[in-house]
Protein backbone atom coordinates (compact mmCIF):
# COMPACT_ATOMS: atom_id res chain seq x y z
CA MET A 1 0.00 -0.16 -0.06
CA ILE A 2 1.08 3.35 -1.24
CA PRO A 3 1.78 5.48 2.05
CA ASP A 4 -0.33 8.58 3.02
CA ALA A 5 2.59 11.17 2.15
CA VAL A 6 2.98 9.74 -1.11
CA PHE A 7 -0.67 10.10 -1.96
CA ALA A 8 -0.57 13.68 -0.82
CA GLU A 9 2.71 14.41 -2.13
CA SER A 10 1.43 13.16 -5.86
CA ARG A 11 -1.48 14.72 -5.83
CA LEU A 12 0.60 18.17 -5.21
CA ARG A 13 2.77 17.34 -8.31
CA THR A 14 -0.14 15.98 -10.82
CA GLY A 15 -1.71 18.90 -9.77
CA ARG A 16 0.68 21.35 -10.78
CA VAL A 17 1.88 19.28 -14.11
CA LEU A 18 -1.77 18.58 -15.51
CA THR A 19 -2.09 22.43 -16.14
CA SER A 20 -4.75 23.94 -18.30
CA THR A 21 -3.25 27.24 -18.64
CA PRO A 22 0.14 28.66 -19.02
CA PRO A 23 1.92 29.97 -15.77
CA GLU A 24 0.93 33.73 -16.63
CA SER A 25 -2.78 32.98 -16.74
CA SER A 26 -4.91 34.17 -13.61
CA ALA A 27 -7.01 31.30 -14.95
CA GLU A 28 -7.87 28.44 -11.93
CA PRO A 29 -5.49 25.58 -12.79
CA HIS A 30 -7.17 22.55 -13.21
CA ARG A 31 -7.79 20.39 -10.04
CA MET A 32 -7.85 16.44 -9.92
CA ARG A 33 -11.20 15.43 -8.62
CA PHE A 34 -10.23 11.87 -7.52
CA THR A 35 -7.31 10.78 -5.34
CA LEU A 36 -4.43 7.76 -5.83
CA ARG A 37 -6.09 6.21 -2.38
CA GLN A 38 -9.84 6.03 -4.58
CA LEU A 39 -7.76 4.65 -7.38
CA GLU A 40 -6.29 2.28 -5.38
CA TYR A 41 -9.32 0.83 -4.14
CA PHE A 42 -10.50 0.51 -7.60
CA VAL A 43 -7.64 -1.21 -8.77
CA ALA A 44 -8.19 -3.67 -5.55
CA ALA A 45 -11.66 -4.28 -6.61
CA GLY A 46 -10.89 -5.07 -10.10
CA GLU A 47 -8.16 -7.25 -9.33
CA THR A 48 -10.39 -9.24 -6.81
CA GLY A 49 -13.74 -8.94 -8.75
CA SER A 50 -15.43 -8.19 -4.87
CA VAL A 51 -16.06 -5.31 -2.78
CA ARG A 52 -15.45 -7.86 0.24
CA HIS A 53 -11.92 -9.00 -1.17
CA ALA A 54 -10.93 -5.51 -2.24
CA ALA A 55 -11.41 -4.12 1.65
CA GLU A 56 -9.83 -7.12 2.93
CA ARG A 57 -6.78 -6.39 0.63
CA VAL A 58 -6.55 -2.69 1.42
CA ASN A 59 -7.37 -3.40 4.80
CA ILE A 60 -10.38 -0.31 4.90
CA SER A 61 -14.08 -0.85 5.32
CA GLN A 62 -16.33 -2.31 2.51
CA PRO A 63 -18.80 1.15 2.66
CA SER A 64 -15.29 3.01 1.52
CA VAL A 65 -14.33 0.86 -1.32
CA SER A 66 -18.12 0.76 -3.02
CA ALA A 67 -17.96 4.95 -2.23
CA ALA A 68 -14.46 5.03 -4.17
CA ILE A 69 -15.78 3.34 -7.07
CA ALA A 70 -18.84 5.35 -6.78
CA HIS A 71 -17.07 8.48 -6.75
CA LEU A 72 -14.54 7.17 -9.48
CA GLU A 73 -17.90 6.64 -11.70
CA GLU A 74 -19.63 10.09 -11.34
CA VAL A 75 -16.06 11.95 -11.84
CA PHE A 76 -15.30 10.23 -15.21
CA GLY A 77 -19.13 9.71 -16.34
CA VAL A 78 -18.74 6.08 -17.31
CA GLN A 79 -19.77 2.39 -15.65
CA LEU A 80 -16.91 0.94 -14.33
CA PHE A 81 -18.51 -1.98 -13.16
CA VAL A 82 -21.15 -4.60 -13.59
CA ARG A 83 -22.92 -5.82 -10.41
CA TYR A 84 -24.04 -8.83 -9.60
CA HIS A 85 -25.73 -9.83 -6.48
CA ALA A 86 -24.19 -13.15 -6.28
CA GLN A 87 -21.49 -13.23 -8.21
CA GLY A 88 -19.91 -9.85 -7.11
CA LEU A 89 -18.12 -7.32 -10.14
CA ALA A 90 -17.12 -7.64 -13.51
CA LEU A 91 -15.13 -4.78 -15.23
CA THR A 92 -16.89 -2.88 -18.00
CA PRO A 93 -14.23 -2.33 -21.13
CA ALA A 94 -14.28 1.42 -19.84
CA GLY A 95 -13.18 -0.28 -16.57
CA GLU A 96 -10.40 -2.76 -18.21
CA ARG A 97 -8.74 -0.11 -19.83
CA LEU A 98 -8.90 2.30 -16.48
CA LEU A 99 -7.45 -0.73 -14.54
CA ARG A 100 -4.43 -0.68 -16.91
CA GLU A 101 -4.21 3.19 -16.93
CA ALA A 102 -4.12 3.10 -12.77
CA ARG A 103 -1.84 0.07 -12.07
CA ALA A 104 0.29 2.32 -14.18
CA LEU A 105 -0.02 5.53 -12.30
CA LEU A 106 0.14 3.80 -8.86
CA SER A 107 3.35 2.15 -9.33
CA HIS A 108 4.68 5.55 -10.84
CA ALA A 109 3.37 6.81 -7.57
CA GLU A 110 5.12 4.09 -5.82
CA ASP A 111 8.56 4.59 -7.86
CA ILE A 112 8.62 8.32 -6.68
CA SER A 113 8.35 7.39 -3.08
CA VAL A 114 11.03 4.87 -3.50
CA ILE A 115 13.08 7.94 -5.44
CA ALA A 116 12.48 10.41 -2.71
CA GLY A 117 13.70 7.52 0.18
CA GLU A 118 16.77 7.20 -2.00
CA LEU A 119 17.38 10.45 -2.14
CA ALA A 120 17.12 11.16 1.26
CA ASP A 121 19.48 8.17 2.65
CA GLY A 122 20.64 5.56 0.13
CA ILE A 123 17.94 2.51 -0.80
CA ALA A 124 14.77 2.51 0.59
CA GLY A 125 10.92 1.62 -0.07
CA SER A 126 9.29 -1.52 -0.33
CA ILE A 127 9.70 -4.72 -2.41
CA ALA A 128 7.38 -7.73 -2.69
CA ILE A 129 9.28 -11.07 -2.75
CA GLY A 130 8.14 -14.48 -3.72
CA PHE A 131 9.54 -17.90 -3.18
CA LEU A 132 9.00 -21.06 -4.55
CA VAL A 133 7.06 -23.11 -1.95
CA THR A 134 9.77 -25.91 -1.95
CA LEU A 135 12.32 -23.26 -1.52
CA ALA A 136 10.85 -21.17 0.96
CA PRO A 137 12.05 -22.99 3.99
CA MET A 138 15.95 -22.78 3.20
CA LEU A 139 16.02 -19.33 1.03
CA ILE A 140 13.79 -17.50 3.23
CA PRO A 141 15.38 -16.70 6.57
CA GLU A 142 18.92 -16.13 5.06
CA VAL A 143 17.81 -14.44 2.25
CA THR A 144 15.53 -12.02 4.22
CA ARG A 145 18.15 -11.79 7.06
CA GLY A 146 20.94 -10.54 4.72
CA PHE A 147 19.06 -8.36 2.48
CA VAL A 148 17.35 -6.41 5.10
CA ALA A 149 20.78 -6.42 6.98
CA ARG A 150 22.34 -4.49 4.21
CA HIS A 151 19.44 -2.29 3.27
CA ASP A 152 17.67 -1.63 6.68
CA ARG A 153 15.26 1.12 5.11
CA VAL A 154 13.66 -1.30 2.80
CA GLN A 155 10.47 -2.96 3.88
CA LEU A 156 10.40 -6.42 2.53
CA GLU A 157 7.35 -8.36 1.86
CA VAL A 158 7.47 -12.22 1.77
CA LEU A 159 5.35 -14.80 0.65
CA GLU A 160 5.64 -18.51 -0.68
CA ASP A 161 3.31 -19.99 -3.55
CA HIS A 162 3.62 -22.34 -6.28
CA HIS A 163 5.33 -21.78 -9.60
CA ALA A 164 1.97 -20.65 -11.51
CA GLY A 165 1.16 -18.48 -8.53
CA LEU A 166 4.31 -16.62 -8.55
CA MET A 167 4.14 -16.12 -12.11
CA GLU A 168 1.22 -14.53 -12.14
CA ARG A 169 1.56 -12.41 -9.27
CA LEU A 170 4.43 -10.97 -11.32
CA ARG A 171 2.42 -10.28 -14.37
CA SER A 172 -0.24 -8.71 -12.09
CA GLY A 173 2.46 -6.45 -10.55
CA ARG A 174 1.54 -8.07 -6.64
CA LEU A 175 5.34 -8.94 -6.61
CA SER A 176 8.53 -7.28 -7.25
CA SER A 177 10.59 -10.56 -8.35
CA ALA A 178 10.58 -14.20 -7.38
CA LEU A 179 13.08 -16.86 -6.72
CA THR A 180 12.18 -20.26 -8.38
CA TYR A 181 12.86 -22.51 -11.15
CA ASP A 182 13.36 -21.71 -14.78
CA LEU A 183 10.17 -23.44 -15.83
CA ASP A 184 7.43 -22.00 -17.67
CA LEU A 185 8.17 -18.56 -17.83
CA PRO A 186 5.94 -16.33 -19.57
CA THR A 187 7.44 -13.81 -22.62
CA GLU A 188 7.19 -11.17 -20.38
CA VAL A 189 9.26 -12.37 -17.77
CA ALA A 190 12.95 -12.22 -17.57
CA PHE A 191 15.01 -14.66 -15.95
CA GLU A 192 18.43 -14.32 -14.07
CA ARG A 193 20.40 -17.87 -13.12
CA LEU A 194 21.58 -17.80 -9.91
CA ALA A 195 22.23 -21.63 -8.99
CA SER A 196 22.10 -25.51 -10.77
CA LEU A 197 20.53 -27.64 -8.40
CA PRO A 198 21.23 -31.15 -9.37
CA PRO A 199 18.57 -34.22 -9.11
CA TYR A 200 19.83 -36.34 -6.00
CA VAL A 201 18.33 -39.68 -4.45
CA LEU A 202 16.87 -39.82 -1.36
CA LEU A 203 17.23 -42.70 0.60
CA ARG A 204 17.03 -44.28 4.23
CA ALA A 205 20.10 -43.84 6.13
CA ASP A 206 20.65 -47.56 6.34
CA HIS A 207 19.59 -48.55 2.86
CA PRO A 208 22.05 -50.93 0.25
CA LEU A 209 22.69 -48.06 -2.00
CA ALA A 210 23.03 -45.21 0.70
CA GLY A 211 27.22 -45.97 0.62
CA ARG A 212 27.01 -45.15 -3.03
CA ASP A 213 29.08 -42.35 -4.45
CA ARG A 214 26.46 -41.73 -7.31
CA LEU A 215 23.49 -43.64 -8.56
CA THR A 216 21.69 -43.63 -12.30
CA LEU A 217 17.98 -44.40 -12.42
CA PRO A 218 18.43 -47.89 -14.06
CA ASP A 219 20.30 -48.91 -10.87
CA LEU A 220 17.01 -47.97 -8.97
CA ALA A 221 14.52 -49.25 -11.65
CA ASP A 222 13.40 -52.31 -8.98
CA GLU A 223 13.43 -50.09 -6.10
CA PRO A 224 9.87 -48.42 -4.74
CA TYR A 225 9.47 -44.63 -5.71
CA VAL A 226 8.11 -42.05 -3.46
CA MET A 227 6.92 -39.15 -5.58
CA LEU A 228 7.01 -35.12 -4.79
CA ASP A 229 3.48 -34.70 -6.54
CA LEU A 230 3.71 -30.99 -7.36
CA PRO A 231 3.31 -29.33 -10.58
CA GLN A 232 6.63 -28.93 -13.01
CA SER A 233 8.87 -31.24 -10.26
CA ARG A 234 6.37 -34.19 -11.10
CA GLU A 235 7.23 -33.87 -14.66
CA TYR A 236 10.79 -32.73 -14.10
CA PHE A 237 11.22 -36.05 -12.47
CA LEU A 238 9.01 -38.29 -14.53
CA GLY A 239 11.22 -36.90 -17.35
CA LEU A 240 14.50 -38.27 -15.86
CA PHE A 241 12.90 -41.68 -15.81
CA MET A 242 11.81 -41.26 -19.44
CA GLN A 243 15.05 -40.29 -20.42
CA GLU A 244 16.50 -43.63 -19.41
CA ASN A 245 13.46 -45.63 -20.52
CA VAL A 246 12.45 -46.45 -17.06
CA THR A 247 9.06 -47.05 -15.52
CA PRO A 248 9.34 -45.92 -11.90
CA LYS A 249 7.76 -48.19 -9.27
CA VAL A 250 5.17 -45.50 -7.48
CA VAL A 251 4.65 -46.72 -4.05
CA ALA A 252 3.37 -43.42 -2.39
CA ARG A 253 2.80 -39.42 -3.59
CA SER A 254 3.05 -36.34 -1.36
CA ALA A 255 2.98 -32.55 -2.40
CA HIS A 256 4.85 -31.76 1.16
CA PRO A 257 8.34 -32.55 0.81
CA ASP A 258 8.78 -33.14 4.40
CA VAL A 259 6.20 -36.10 3.98
CA LEU A 260 7.99 -37.77 1.57
CA ARG A 261 10.92 -37.16 3.41
CA SER A 262 9.64 -39.35 6.00
CA LEU A 263 8.12 -41.64 4.12
CA VAL A 264 11.65 -42.40 2.87
CA ALA A 265 12.91 -42.26 6.15
CA ALA A 266 10.40 -45.11 7.63
CA GLY A 267 11.53 -47.45 4.58
CA HIS A 268 8.76 -46.82 1.90
CA GLY A 269 11.23 -46.12 -1.03
CA PHE A 270 13.30 -44.11 -2.18
CA GLY A 271 12.86 -40.28 -3.29
CA LEU A 272 14.16 -37.60 -5.96
CA ALA A 273 14.49 -34.05 -4.92
CA ASN A 274 16.72 -31.07 -5.91
CA VAL A 275 16.53 -28.73 -2.88
CA ARG A 276 18.83 -30.29 -0.17
CA PRO A 277 18.08 -29.14 3.42
CA ARG A 278 21.19 -28.76 5.77
CA ASN A 279 19.16 -31.42 8.28
CA ARG A 280 19.80 -34.65 6.98
CA ALA A 281 16.95 -36.08 8.71
CA ALA A 282 12.69 -36.67 8.64
CA LEU A 283 10.95 -34.69 11.05
CA ASP A 284 10.58 -37.45 13.21
CA GLY A 285 14.28 -37.67 13.56
CA GLN A 286 14.99 -40.56 11.16
CA PRO A 287 18.21 -40.17 9.67
CA LEU A 288 18.44 -39.84 5.73
CA ALA A 289 21.00 -40.29 3.01
CA TYR A 290 21.62 -37.88 -0.13
CA VAL A 291 23.26 -39.82 -2.65
CA PRO A 292 23.78 -37.60 -6.31
CA LEU A 293 22.58 -38.84 -9.22
CA ASP A 294 24.93 -39.02 -12.03
CA ASN A 295 25.46 -35.55 -13.84
CA ARG A 296 24.26 -36.81 -17.43
CA TYR A 297 20.77 -35.83 -15.86
CA ARG A 298 19.67 -32.01 -16.26
CA PRO A 299 19.65 -30.16 -13.21
CA MET A 300 16.84 -27.69 -11.98
CA VAL A 301 18.03 -24.11 -12.56
CA LEU A 302 17.33 -21.24 -9.59
CA GLY A 303 17.13 -17.88 -10.53
CA ILE A 304 15.02 -14.80 -9.70
CA ALA A 305 12.40 -13.66 -12.41
CA THR A 306 11.25 -10.50 -12.63
CA LEU A 307 8.83 -8.63 -15.02
CA LYS A 308 10.42 -7.21 -18.08
CA SER A 309 10.45 -3.58 -17.92
CA PRO A 310 12.48 -0.78 -19.22
CA ARG A 311 13.73 0.74 -15.91
CA THR A 312 14.54 -1.57 -13.04
CA PRO A 313 13.27 0.27 -9.81
CA ARG A 314 16.67 0.53 -7.85
CA VAL A 315 15.16 -1.35 -4.78
CA VAL A 316 14.46 -4.47 -7.05
CA ALA A 317 18.01 -3.43 -8.75
CA ALA A 318 19.33 -3.76 -5.14
CA PHE A 319 18.11 -7.10 -4.20
CA GLN A 320 19.38 -8.57 -7.74
CA ALA A 321 22.85 -8.04 -6.63
CA PHE A 322 22.05 -9.05 -3.12
CA CYS A 323 21.33 -12.44 -4.47
CA ARG A 324 23.95 -12.50 -7.08
CA ASP A 325 26.37 -12.07 -3.93
CA ALA A 326 24.83 -14.23 -1.58
CA PHE A 327 24.62 -17.22 -4.34
CA GLY A 328 28.02 -16.96 -5.52
CA ARG A 329 29.67 -16.38 -2.14
CA ASP A 330 28.62 -19.57 -0.36
CA GLY A 331 26.67 -21.59 -2.35
CA VAL A 332 22.70 -21.48 -2.22
CA PRO A 333 21.63 -20.05 0.98
CA GLY A 334 20.17 -22.45 3.42
CA MET A 335 21.07 -25.57 1.42
CA ALA A 336 23.86 -28.25 1.92
CA ASP A 337 26.18 -29.57 -0.19
CA LEU A 338 26.37 -32.82 -1.73
């Protein structure tokens, strides 16, 4: 949410720029009849399709959101939403156009706030960073602590989501950057590689294969397989089996890496993973072994995704620079070496 001071300053600046008469004229300058705060409420309603959800997002009452929409419709002389009693709100063509322009204006107002902070004292402002849900437990603690320590005037918002959710949030402007894999990237999203995460075999610590230096998938063809059942991850691992013309013997599936680790530690089968927690044990304390797969298998590429833009805000550029340093200096933050 943009600070109140920014809304007030933006109104003053915009009022001076959008003057309908030359400076020497004594005519009354054109004044905006709406505020950036009202535009923020309108954008929230347009993106959520609901007054209630918009109010929850911006932490304001529902009547305030409704009043802002009504005011904008009166000022612009157009209907912005079609209102349905049960289904909520649907943007009209005029509303869709205003939504695009309002997003751009609010983004520019946020940039002004950041620039003002930078002029006052280095890197400042707010930034929203997304983390892929399977990476989040390892990356979030060290990345956020290190970045805030370097730039203590930055307000950092963090969330975790699946890959598709991160991409949707980037495209809608709700995320500044996301740490994720280089899979299924929309054309409007730029990706910078930070690290390679080769696949490895997860085994019960006393498994006969746990002492091997390296394994191949044919070595595991007769072993029961516990699958990490997440979008992108599932297809990636099945693709490795297809590469070897091996059909895995799937005995269990889980969308939760900790459940997979517990099942493997209990002896249900082997697992495959790329993320390497430093704690080589399941949540119940049962020990695990990590054995690298042969290097002929394609690694997952971890990096930072951002929406393509002709200008990168300084606070986003600062986060990118921090990630380059953090990943290049000591390996992947929060993860063990194989």
